[in-house]
Amino acid sequence: MNDPLFLATAVEAVLHAGRLQMARFGTDLQINKKGAIDLVTEVDLAVERMFRDLVAERFPDHVVMAEELGRGVEPPSDRPCWIFDPLDGTTNYAHGLPIFSSSLALEIDGEVVVGAIYDPCRRELFTATRGGGAYLNGAPMRVSSTSSVIDALLVTGFPYTVHQDRADLVSLFSAFLAEAQAVRRLGSAALDLCYVAAGRFDAFWEQSLKPWDMAAGALMLAEAGGRVTALDGSAFDLRQGQLMATNRVLHDQLLDVVRRWREQR
């Protein structure tokens, strides 16, 4: 059941997250490291605590899977599960770069049914419900109609293991760069997916993602007419950590780039 309160809660949470983010953006933050280049700020933690308190009060029978305070990527729960990234683009945020967001999805019986992503710097609220469409600030979103890779603007990201995996990551980036009009890297997977859904990018691919990076954005894209699969073209699995997300028209062409890259490795 997709109760209207679910979407209202998702919107309330990401808007509140945006206010907390902007209140501290550009200030002297407390920044810690989870890995060599994987950062966490006091704002990540404050936003997540806010959301966990909200769910505990409003939906005590629901569970939360979020990035900072309980990071296990467990299988789908038999209870409704909120999948939350309190600050997607933490590295950008910590450096004062205004490209970040909060991303929230609700999964019921293994299916994501609600998504909300908020970019507080641009005041852009992206929302979607399963079967109900995708919206940007209340206006319907649709993917682009670009039909040729040479005319496509693509976006990707690199995981926190980039120092260890750089050869493969850079070679695949190069394979797409040789085929596309241009390739960008913004540093927020949630916004990358929203921008494909809104027709700003034509496709997005990435490896080594977490469910909270993809859950809401993948729903946005599907509801905006796009297509999401694994990089080999198999069915998209939120917990397998990689995806090819496109305007649908380009999908097979871009999967073919990946196939040829793998054959040449």
C-alpha atoms as a PDB file:
ATOM      1  CA  MET A   1       0.000   0.000   0.000  1.00  0.00           C
ATOM      2  CA  ASN A   2       1.324   3.436  -0.998  1.00  0.00           C
ATOM      3  CA  ASP A   3      -0.160   5.709   1.648  1.00  0.00           C
ATOM      4  CA  PRO A   4      -0.011   9.452   0.718  1.00  0.00           C
ATOM      5  CA  LEU A   5       1.588   9.987   4.130  1.00  0.00           C
ATOM      6  CA  PHE A   6       4.665   8.129   2.875  1.00  0.00           C
ATOM      7  CA  LEU A   7       5.419  10.690   0.165  1.00  0.00           C
ATOM      8  CA  ALA A   8       4.557  13.558   2.499  1.00  0.00           C
ATOM      9  CA  THR A   9       7.013  12.177   5.051  1.00  0.00           C
ATOM     10  CA  ALA A  10       9.729  11.730   2.424  1.00  0.00           C
ATOM     11  CA  VAL A  11       9.308  15.318   1.240  1.00  0.00           C
ATOM     12  CA  GLU A  12       9.253  16.664   4.793  1.00  0.00           C
ATOM     13  CA  ALA A  13      12.432  14.763   5.641  1.00  0.00           C
ATOM     14  CA  VAL A  14      14.519  15.842   2.645  1.00  0.00           C
ATOM     15  CA  LEU A  15      13.410  19.468   2.935  1.00  0.00           C
ATOM     16  CA  HIS A  16      14.377  19.468   6.614  1.00  0.00           C
ATOM     17  CA  ALA A  17      17.677  17.829   5.666  1.00  0.00           C
ATOM     18  CA  GLY A  18      18.292  20.621   3.177  1.00  0.00           C
ATOM     19  CA  ARG A  19      17.743  23.264   5.831  1.00  0.00           C
ATOM     20  CA  LEU A  20      20.229  21.554   8.138  1.00  0.00           C
ATOM     21  CA  GLN A  21      22.737  21.243   5.312  1.00  0.00           C
ATOM     22  CA  MET A  22      22.509  24.889   4.283  1.00  0.00           C
ATOM     23  CA  ALA A  23      22.748  26.120   7.883  1.00  0.00           C
ATOM     24  CA  ARG A  24      26.269  24.699   8.091  1.00  0.00           C
ATOM     25  CA  PHE A  25      27.364  24.898   4.450  1.00  0.00           C
ATOM     26  CA  GLY A  26      30.583  26.858   4.049  1.00  0.00           C
ATOM     27  CA  THR A  27      31.273  26.948   7.785  1.00  0.00           C
ATOM     28  CA  ASP A  28      34.029  25.325   9.819  1.00  0.00           C
ATOM     29  CA  LEU A  29      32.752  21.743   9.879  1.00  0.00           C
ATOM     30  CA  GLN A  30      33.838  18.784  11.931  1.00  0.00           C
ATOM     31  CA  ILE A  31      34.987  16.275   9.299  1.00  0.00           C
ATOM     32  CA  ASN A  32      36.070  12.706   9.932  1.00  0.00           C
ATOM     33  CA  LYS A  33      37.207   9.908   7.650  1.00  0.00           C
ATOM     34  CA  LYS A  34      35.571   6.511   7.152  1.00  0.00           C
ATOM     35  CA  GLY A  35      38.325   5.593   4.690  1.00  0.00           C
ATOM     36  CA  ALA A  36      41.277   7.190   2.927  1.00  0.00           C
ATOM     37  CA  ILE A  37      38.994   9.475   0.847  1.00  0.00           C
ATOM     38  CA  ASP A  38      35.563   8.668   2.330  1.00  0.00           C
ATOM     39  CA  LEU A  39      34.408  11.597   4.490  1.00  0.00           C
ATOM     40  CA  VAL A  40      31.644  12.066   7.025  1.00  0.00           C
ATOM     41  CA  THR A  41      30.656  15.403   8.535  1.00  0.00           C
ATOM     42  CA  GLU A  42      28.707  16.331  11.628  1.00  0.00           C
ATOM     43  CA  VAL A  43      25.886  17.322   9.263  1.00  0.00           C
ATOM     44  CA  ASP A  44      25.615  13.784   7.811  1.00  0.00           C
ATOM     45  CA  LEU A  45      25.143  12.496  11.341  1.00  0.00           C
ATOM     46  CA  ALA A  46      22.735  15.222  12.483  1.00  0.00           C
ATOM     47  CA  VAL A  47      20.494  14.757   9.442  1.00  0.00           C
ATOM     48  CA  GLU A  48      20.375  11.002   9.843  1.00  0.00           C
ATOM     49  CA  ARG A  49      19.536  11.243  13.545  1.00  0.00           C
ATOM     50  CA  MET A  50      16.729  13.668  12.698  1.00  0.00           C
ATOM     51  CA  PHE A  51      15.274  11.228  10.223  1.00  0.00           C
ATOM     52  CA  ARG A  52      15.564   8.186  12.452  1.00  0.00           C
ATOM     53  CA  ASP A  53      13.707  10.087  15.178  1.00  0.00           C
ATOM     54  CA  LEU A  54      10.989  11.050  12.687  1.00  0.00           C
ATOM     55  CA  VAL A  55      10.432   7.454  11.560  1.00  0.00           C
ATOM     56  CA  ALA A  56      10.465   6.130  15.121  1.00  0.00           C
ATOM     57  CA  GLU A  57       7.737   8.593  16.031  1.00  0.00           C
ATOM     58  CA  ARG A  58       5.576   8.360  12.912  1.00  0.00           C
ATOM     59  CA  PHE A  59       6.075   4.753  11.766  1.00  0.00           C
ATOM     60  CA  PRO A  60       7.378   2.703  14.710  1.00  0.00           C
ATOM     61  CA  ASP A  61       6.931  -0.566  12.785  1.00  0.00           C
ATOM     62  CA  HIS A  62       9.171   0.597   9.901  1.00  0.00           C
ATOM     63  CA  VAL A  63      12.938   0.085   9.649  1.00  0.00           C
ATOM     64  CA  VAL A  64      15.657   2.431   8.401  1.00  0.00           C
ATOM     65  CA  MET A  65      18.686   1.597   6.292  1.00  0.00           C
ATOM     66  CA  ALA A  66      20.917   4.650   6.076  1.00  0.00           C
ATOM     67  CA  GLU A  67      24.520   5.460   5.349  1.00  0.00           C
ATOM     68  CA  GLU A  68      26.009   6.528   8.646  1.00  0.00           C
ATOM     69  CA  LEU A  69      24.318   4.921  11.671  1.00  0.00           C
ATOM     70  CA  GLY A  70      23.722   1.346  10.607  1.00  0.00           C
ATOM     71  CA  ARG A  71      25.433   0.735   7.311  1.00  0.00           C
ATOM     72  CA  GLY A  72      24.673  -2.928   6.654  1.00  0.00           C
ATOM     73  CA  VAL A  73      23.218  -3.654   3.225  1.00  0.00           C
ATOM     74  CA  GLU A  74      20.740  -6.252   4.328  1.00  0.00           C
ATOM     75  CA  PRO A  75      18.261  -8.023   2.044  1.00  0.00           C
ATOM     76  CA  PRO A  76      14.793  -6.531   1.675  1.00  0.00           C
ATOM     77  CA  SER A  77      12.993  -6.401   5.003  1.00  0.00           C
ATOM     78  CA  ASP A  78       9.605  -7.936   5.688  1.00  0.00           C
ATOM     79  CA  ARG A  79       8.750  -4.524   7.141  1.00  0.00           C
ATOM     80  CA  PRO A  80       8.630  -1.228   5.215  1.00  0.00           C
ATOM     81  CA  CYS A  81      12.203   0.036   4.911  1.00  0.00           C
ATOM     82  CA  TRP A  82      13.273   3.660   4.507  1.00  0.00           C
ATOM     83  CA  ILE A  83      16.529   3.915   2.539  1.00  0.00           C
ATOM     84  CA  PHE A  84      18.224   7.207   3.324  1.00  0.00           C
ATOM     85  CA  ASP A  85      21.338   9.098   2.319  1.00  0.00           C
ATOM     86  CA  PRO A  86      21.439  12.118   4.645  1.00  0.00           C
ATOM     87  CA  LEU A  87      24.041  13.924   2.532  1.00  0.00           C
ATOM     88  CA  ASP A  88      24.811  12.603  -0.932  1.00  0.00           C
ATOM     89  CA  GLY A  89      27.908  14.414  -2.128  1.00  0.00           C
ATOM     90  CA  THR A  90      29.673  14.751   1.214  1.00  0.00           C
ATOM     91  CA  THR A  91      33.066  15.400  -0.397  1.00  0.00           C
ATOM     92  CA  ASN A  92      31.581  18.281  -2.404  1.00  0.00           C
ATOM     93  CA  TYR A  93      29.867  19.615   0.719  1.00  0.00           C
ATOM     94  CA  ALA A  94      33.014  19.438   2.829  1.00  0.00           C
ATOM     95  CA  HIS A  95      34.922  21.419   0.194  1.00  0.00           C
ATOM     96  CA  GLY A  96      32.255  24.083  -0.224  1.00  0.00           C
ATOM     97  CA  LEU A  97      31.163  22.847  -3.662  1.00  0.00           C
ATOM     98  CA  PRO A  98      27.382  23.380  -4.027  1.00  0.00           C
ATOM     99  CA  ILE A  99      26.515  20.007  -5.591  1.00  0.00           C
ATOM    100  CA  PHE A 100      24.920  17.762  -2.965  1.00  0.00           C
ATOM    101  CA  SER A 101      21.527  16.478  -1.908  1.00  0.00           C
ATOM    102  CA  SER A 102      19.581  14.287   0.477  1.00  0.00           C
ATOM    103  CA  SER A 103      17.949  11.162  -0.914  1.00  0.00           C
ATOM    104  CA  LEU A 104      15.155   9.084   0.603  1.00  0.00           C
ATOM    105  CA  ALA A 105      13.180   6.092  -0.655  1.00  0.00           C
ATOM    106  CA  LEU A 106      10.639   3.746   0.856  1.00  0.00           C
ATOM    107  CA  GLU A 107      10.833   0.060   0.013  1.00  0.00           C
ATOM    108  CA  ILE A 108       7.837  -2.207   0.667  1.00  0.00           C
ATOM    109  CA  ASP A 109       7.974  -5.944  -0.027  1.00  0.00           C
ATOM    110  CA  GLY A 110      11.238  -5.517  -1.936  1.00  0.00           C
ATOM    111  CA  GLU A 111       9.916  -2.749  -4.227  1.00  0.00           C
ATOM    112  CA  VAL A 112      10.738   0.947  -3.988  1.00  0.00           C
ATOM    113  CA  VAL A 113       7.401   2.787  -4.007  1.00  0.00           C
ATOM    114  CA  VAL A 114       8.290   6.358  -2.978  1.00  0.00           C
ATOM    115  CA  GLY A 115      11.309   8.579  -3.587  1.00  0.00           C
ATOM    116  CA  ALA A 116      12.293  12.151  -2.735  1.00  0.00           C
ATOM    117  CA  ILE A 117      15.586  13.927  -3.433  1.00  0.00           C
ATOM    118  CA  TYR A 118      16.280  17.543  -2.554  1.00  0.00           C
ATOM    119  CA  ASP A 119      19.025  19.835  -3.814  1.00  0.00           C
ATOM    120  CA  PRO A 120      18.971  22.759  -1.371  1.00  0.00           C
ATOM    121  CA  CYS A 121      21.413  24.906  -3.348  1.00  0.00           C
ATOM    122  CA  ARG A 122      19.073  25.025  -6.364  1.00  0.00           C
ATOM    123  CA  ARG A 123      15.899  24.522  -4.333  1.00  0.00           C
ATOM    124  CA  GLU A 124      14.989  21.599  -6.556  1.00  0.00           C
ATOM    125  CA  LEU A 125      12.738  18.910  -5.118  1.00  0.00           C
ATOM    126  CA  PHE A 126      12.516  15.678  -7.117  1.00  0.00           C
ATOM    127  CA  THR A 127       9.716  13.258  -6.201  1.00  0.00           C
ATOM    128  CA  ALA A 128       8.278  10.018  -7.531  1.00  0.00           C
ATOM    129  CA  THR A 129       5.786   7.327  -6.611  1.00  0.00           C
ATOM    130  CA  ARG A 130       5.537   3.880  -8.170  1.00  0.00           C
ATOM    131  CA  GLY A 131       3.039   4.177 -11.028  1.00  0.00           C
ATOM    132  CA  GLY A 132       2.418   7.851 -10.240  1.00  0.00           C
ATOM    133  CA  GLY A 133       5.115   9.609 -12.271  1.00  0.00           C
ATOM    134  CA  ALA A 134       8.165  11.714 -11.444  1.00  0.00           C
ATOM    135  CA  TYR A 135       8.191  15.429 -10.721  1.00  0.00           C
ATOM    136  CA  LEU A 136      10.556  18.362 -10.324  1.00  0.00           C
ATOM    137  CA  ASN A 137       9.093  21.050  -8.068  1.00  0.00           C
ATOM    138  CA  GLY A 138       5.659  19.688  -8.950  1.00  0.00           C
ATOM    139  CA  ALA A 139       6.124  19.656 -12.742  1.00  0.00           C
ATOM    140  CA  PRO A 140       6.253  16.281 -14.563  1.00  0.00           C
ATOM    141  CA  MET A 141       9.712  15.070 -15.613  1.00  0.00           C
ATOM    142  CA  ARG A 142      10.559  13.190 -18.792  1.00  0.00           C
ATOM    143  CA  VAL A 143      13.835  11.764 -20.026  1.00  0.00           C
ATOM    144  CA  SER A 144      15.533  13.125 -23.137  1.00  0.00           C
ATOM    145  CA  SER A 145      14.866  11.888 -26.666  1.00  0.00           C
ATOM    146  CA  THR A 146      18.542  11.721 -27.670  1.00  0.00           C
ATOM    147  CA  SER A 147      18.949   8.680 -29.926  1.00  0.00           C
ATOM    148  CA  SER A 148      22.649   8.668 -30.834  1.00  0.00           C
ATOM    149  CA  VAL A 149      25.562   8.224 -28.426  1.00  0.00           C
ATOM    150  CA  ILE A 150      27.630  10.840 -30.271  1.00  0.00           C
ATOM    151  CA  ASP A 151      24.938  13.393 -29.344  1.00  0.00           C
ATOM    152  CA  ALA A 152      24.651  12.223 -25.732  1.00  0.00           C
ATOM    153  CA  LEU A 153      25.788  13.953 -22.553  1.00  0.00           C
ATOM    154  CA  LEU A 154      26.716  11.245 -20.057  1.00  0.00           C
ATOM    155  CA  VAL A 155      27.570  11.334 -16.366  1.00  0.00           C
ATOM    156  CA  THR A 156      29.379   8.919 -14.086  1.00  0.00           C
ATOM    157  CA  GLY A 157      31.069   8.683 -10.724  1.00  0.00           C
ATOM    158  CA  PHE A 158      34.051   6.953  -9.167  1.00  0.00           C
ATOM    159  CA  PRO A 159      33.824   4.902  -5.969  1.00  0.00           C
ATOM    160  CA  TYR A 160      35.919   5.434  -2.858  1.00  0.00           C
ATOM    161  CA  THR A 161      38.081   2.507  -4.058  1.00  0.00           C
ATOM    162  CA  VAL A 162      39.221   4.550  -7.058  1.00  0.00           C
ATOM    163  CA  HIS A 163      42.869   4.493  -5.948  1.00  0.00           C
ATOM    164  CA  GLN A 164      42.864   0.699  -6.051  1.00  0.00           C
ATOM    165  CA  ASP A 165      40.613   0.272  -9.111  1.00  0.00           C
ATOM    166  CA  ARG A 166      41.655   3.282 -11.171  1.00  0.00           C
ATOM    167  CA  ALA A 167      42.866   1.347 -14.236  1.00  0.00           C
ATOM    168  CA  ASP A 168      39.491  -0.290 -14.907  1.00  0.00           C
ATOM    169  CA  LEU A 169      37.499   2.792 -13.941  1.00  0.00           C
ATOM    170  CA  VAL A 170      39.514   5.104 -16.176  1.00  0.00           C
ATOM    171  CA  SER A 171      39.520   2.687 -19.101  1.00  0.00           C
ATOM    172  CA  LEU A 172      35.719   2.380 -19.030  1.00  0.00           C
ATOM    173  CA  PHE A 173      35.444   6.170 -18.705  1.00  0.00           C
ATOM    174  CA  SER A 174      37.697   6.436 -21.751  1.00  0.00           C
ATOM    175  CA  ALA A 175      35.530   3.996 -23.706  1.00  0.00           C
ATOM    176  CA  PHE A 176      32.470   6.179 -23.145  1.00  0.00           C
ATOM    177  CA  LEU A 177      34.415   9.379 -23.756  1.00  0.00           C
ATOM    178  CA  ALA A 178      35.397   8.040 -27.187  1.00  0.00           C
ATOM    179  CA  GLU A 179      31.749   7.494 -28.123  1.00  0.00           C
ATOM    180  CA  ALA A 180      29.783  10.316 -26.487  1.00  0.00           C
ATOM    181  CA  GLN A 181      29.505  14.053 -27.009  1.00  0.00           C
ATOM    182  CA  ALA A 182      30.791  14.594 -23.475  1.00  0.00           C
ATOM    183  CA  VAL A 183      31.063  12.926 -20.062  1.00  0.00           C
ATOM    184  CA  ARG A 184      30.667  14.683 -16.714  1.00  0.00           C
ATOM    185  CA  ARG A 185      31.305  13.731 -13.087  1.00  0.00           C
ATOM    186  CA  LEU A 186      29.344  15.665 -10.443  1.00  0.00           C
ATOM    187  CA  GLY A 187      29.882  13.695  -7.231  1.00  0.00           C
ATOM    188  CA  SER A 188      26.256  12.991  -6.275  1.00  0.00           C
ATOM    189  CA  ALA A 189      24.758   9.805  -7.701  1.00  0.00           C
ATOM    190  CA  ALA A 190      21.291  10.814  -6.522  1.00  0.00           C
ATOM    191  CA  LEU A 191      21.431  14.037  -8.530  1.00  0.00           C
ATOM    192  CA  ASP A 192      22.969  12.216 -11.506  1.00  0.00           C
ATOM    193  CA  LEU A 193      19.898   9.974 -11.652  1.00  0.00           C
ATOM    194  CA  CYS A 194      17.533  12.918 -11.209  1.00  0.00           C
ATOM    195  CA  TYR A 195      19.240  14.784 -14.015  1.00  0.00           C
ATOM    196  CA  VAL A 196      18.792  11.834 -16.377  1.00  0.00           C
ATOM    197  CA  ALA A 197      15.129  11.693 -15.337  1.00  0.00           C
ATOM    198  CA  ALA A 198      14.810  15.425 -16.061  1.00  0.00           C
ATOM    199  CA  GLY A 199      16.475  15.140 -19.476  1.00  0.00           C
ATOM    200  CA  ARG A 200      19.574  17.123 -18.512  1.00  0.00           C
ATOM    201  CA  PHE A 201      21.798  14.085 -18.952  1.00  0.00           C
ATOM    202  CA  ASP A 202      21.069  11.263 -21.353  1.00  0.00           C
ATOM    203  CA  ALA A 203      22.582   8.453 -19.269  1.00  0.00           C
ATOM    204  CA  PHE A 204      24.448   7.625 -16.075  1.00  0.00           C
ATOM    205  CA  TRP A 205      26.571   4.635 -15.186  1.00  0.00           C
ATOM    206  CA  GLU A 206      28.487   3.786 -12.053  1.00  0.00           C
ATOM    207  CA  GLN A 207      29.897   0.862 -10.103  1.00  0.00           C
ATOM    208  CA  SER A 208      30.274   0.170  -6.347  1.00  0.00           C
ATOM    209  CA  LEU A 209      27.230   2.135  -5.229  1.00  0.00           C
ATOM    210  CA  LYS A 210      25.093   1.522  -2.142  1.00  0.00           C
ATOM    211  CA  PRO A 211      21.297   1.212  -2.015  1.00  0.00           C
ATOM    212  CA  TRP A 212      20.935   4.705  -0.505  1.00  0.00           C
ATOM    213  CA  ASP A 213      22.815   6.134  -3.509  1.00  0.00           C
ATOM    214  CA  MET A 214      20.364   4.656  -6.027  1.00  0.00           C
ATOM    215  CA  ALA A 215      17.000   3.795  -4.517  1.00  0.00           C
ATOM    216  CA  ALA A 216      15.120   7.069  -4.907  1.00  0.00           C
ATOM    217  CA  GLY A 217      16.870   8.112  -8.117  1.00  0.00           C
ATOM    218  CA  ALA A 218      16.246   4.817  -9.888  1.00  0.00           C
ATOM    219  CA  LEU A 219      12.529   5.196  -9.174  1.00  0.00           C
ATOM    220  CA  MET A 220      12.628   8.785 -10.495  1.00  0.00           C
ATOM    221  CA  LEU A 221      14.176   7.597 -13.729  1.00  0.00           C
ATOM    222  CA  ALA A 222      11.799   4.695 -14.257  1.00  0.00           C
ATOM    223  CA  GLU A 223       8.781   6.931 -13.637  1.00  0.00           C
ATOM    224  CA  ALA A 224      10.169   9.552 -16.040  1.00  0.00           C
ATOM    225  CA  GLY A 225      10.318   7.000 -18.867  1.00  0.00           C
ATOM    226  CA  GLY A 226      13.911   5.850 -18.514  1.00  0.00           C
ATOM    227  CA  ARG A 227      15.440   2.411 -18.135  1.00  0.00           C
ATOM    228  CA  VAL A 228      17.724   1.014 -15.437  1.00  0.00           C
ATOM    229  CA  THR A 229      19.660  -2.270 -15.599  1.00  0.00           C
ATOM    230  CA  ALA A 230      22.929  -3.701 -14.382  1.00  0.00           C
ATOM    231  CA  LEU A 231      25.959  -2.886 -16.526  1.00  0.00           C
ATOM    232  CA  ASP A 232      25.672  -6.234 -18.301  1.00  0.00           C
ATOM    233  CA  GLY A 233      22.029  -5.638 -19.144  1.00  0.00           C
ATOM    234  CA  SER A 234      20.625  -7.967 -16.503  1.00  0.00           C
ATOM    235  CA  ALA A 235      17.835  -6.862 -14.180  1.00  0.00           C
ATOM    236  CA  PHE A 236      18.663  -3.972 -11.870  1.00  0.00           C
ATOM    237  CA  ASP A 237      19.261  -5.043  -8.278  1.00  0.00           C
ATOM    238  CA  LEU A 238      19.426  -2.281  -5.697  1.00  0.00           C
ATOM    239  CA  ARG A 239      21.850  -4.306  -3.577  1.00  0.00           C
ATOM    240  CA  GLN A 240      24.312  -5.292  -6.327  1.00  0.00           C
ATOM    241  CA  GLY A 241      25.937  -1.859  -6.415  1.00  0.00           C
ATOM    242  CA  GLN A 242      26.087  -0.914 -10.090  1.00  0.00           C
ATOM    243  CA  LEU A 243      23.800   0.340 -12.812  1.00  0.00           C
ATOM    244  CA  MET A 244      23.273   1.665 -16.302  1.00  0.00           C
ATOM    245  CA  ALA A 245      20.540   4.315 -16.237  1.00  0.00           C
ATOM    246  CA  THR A 246      19.434   5.878 -19.522  1.00  0.00           C
ATOM    247  CA  ASN A 247      16.698   7.639 -21.453  1.00  0.00           C
ATOM    248  CA  ARG A 248      15.752   4.153 -22.728  1.00  0.00           C
ATOM    249  CA  VAL A 249      16.476   5.023 -26.391  1.00  0.00           C
ATOM    250  CA  LEU A 250      20.246   4.846 -25.847  1.00  0.00           C
ATOM    251  CA  HIS A 251      20.254   1.902 -23.491  1.00  0.00           C
ATOM    252  CA  ASP A 252      21.290  -0.913 -25.800  1.00  0.00           C
ATOM    253  CA  GLN A 253      23.918   1.249 -27.494  1.00  0.00           C
ATOM    254  CA  LEU A 254      25.533   2.073 -24.153  1.00  0.00           C
ATOM    255  CA  LEU A 255      25.413  -1.534 -22.969  1.00  0.00           C
ATOM    256  CA  ASP A 256      27.249  -2.387 -26.178  1.00  0.00           C
ATOM    257  CA  VAL A 257      30.032   0.052 -25.213  1.00  0.00           C
ATOM    258  CA  VAL A 258      30.415  -1.829 -21.928  1.00  0.00           C
ATOM    259  CA  ARG A 259      30.366  -5.198 -23.705  1.00  0.00           C
ATOM    260  CA  ARG A 260      33.106  -4.168 -26.154  1.00  0.00           C
ATOM    261  CA  TRP A 261      35.168  -2.695 -23.310  1.00  0.00           C
ATOM    262  CA  ARG A 262      34.994  -5.968 -21.405  1.00  0.00           C
ATOM    263  CA  GLU A 263      36.016  -7.961 -24.449  1.00  0.00           C
ATOM    264  CA  GLN A 264      39.104  -5.799 -24.900  1.00  0.00           C
ATOM    265  CA  ARG A 265      40.297  -5.947 -21.274  1.00  0.00           C
END
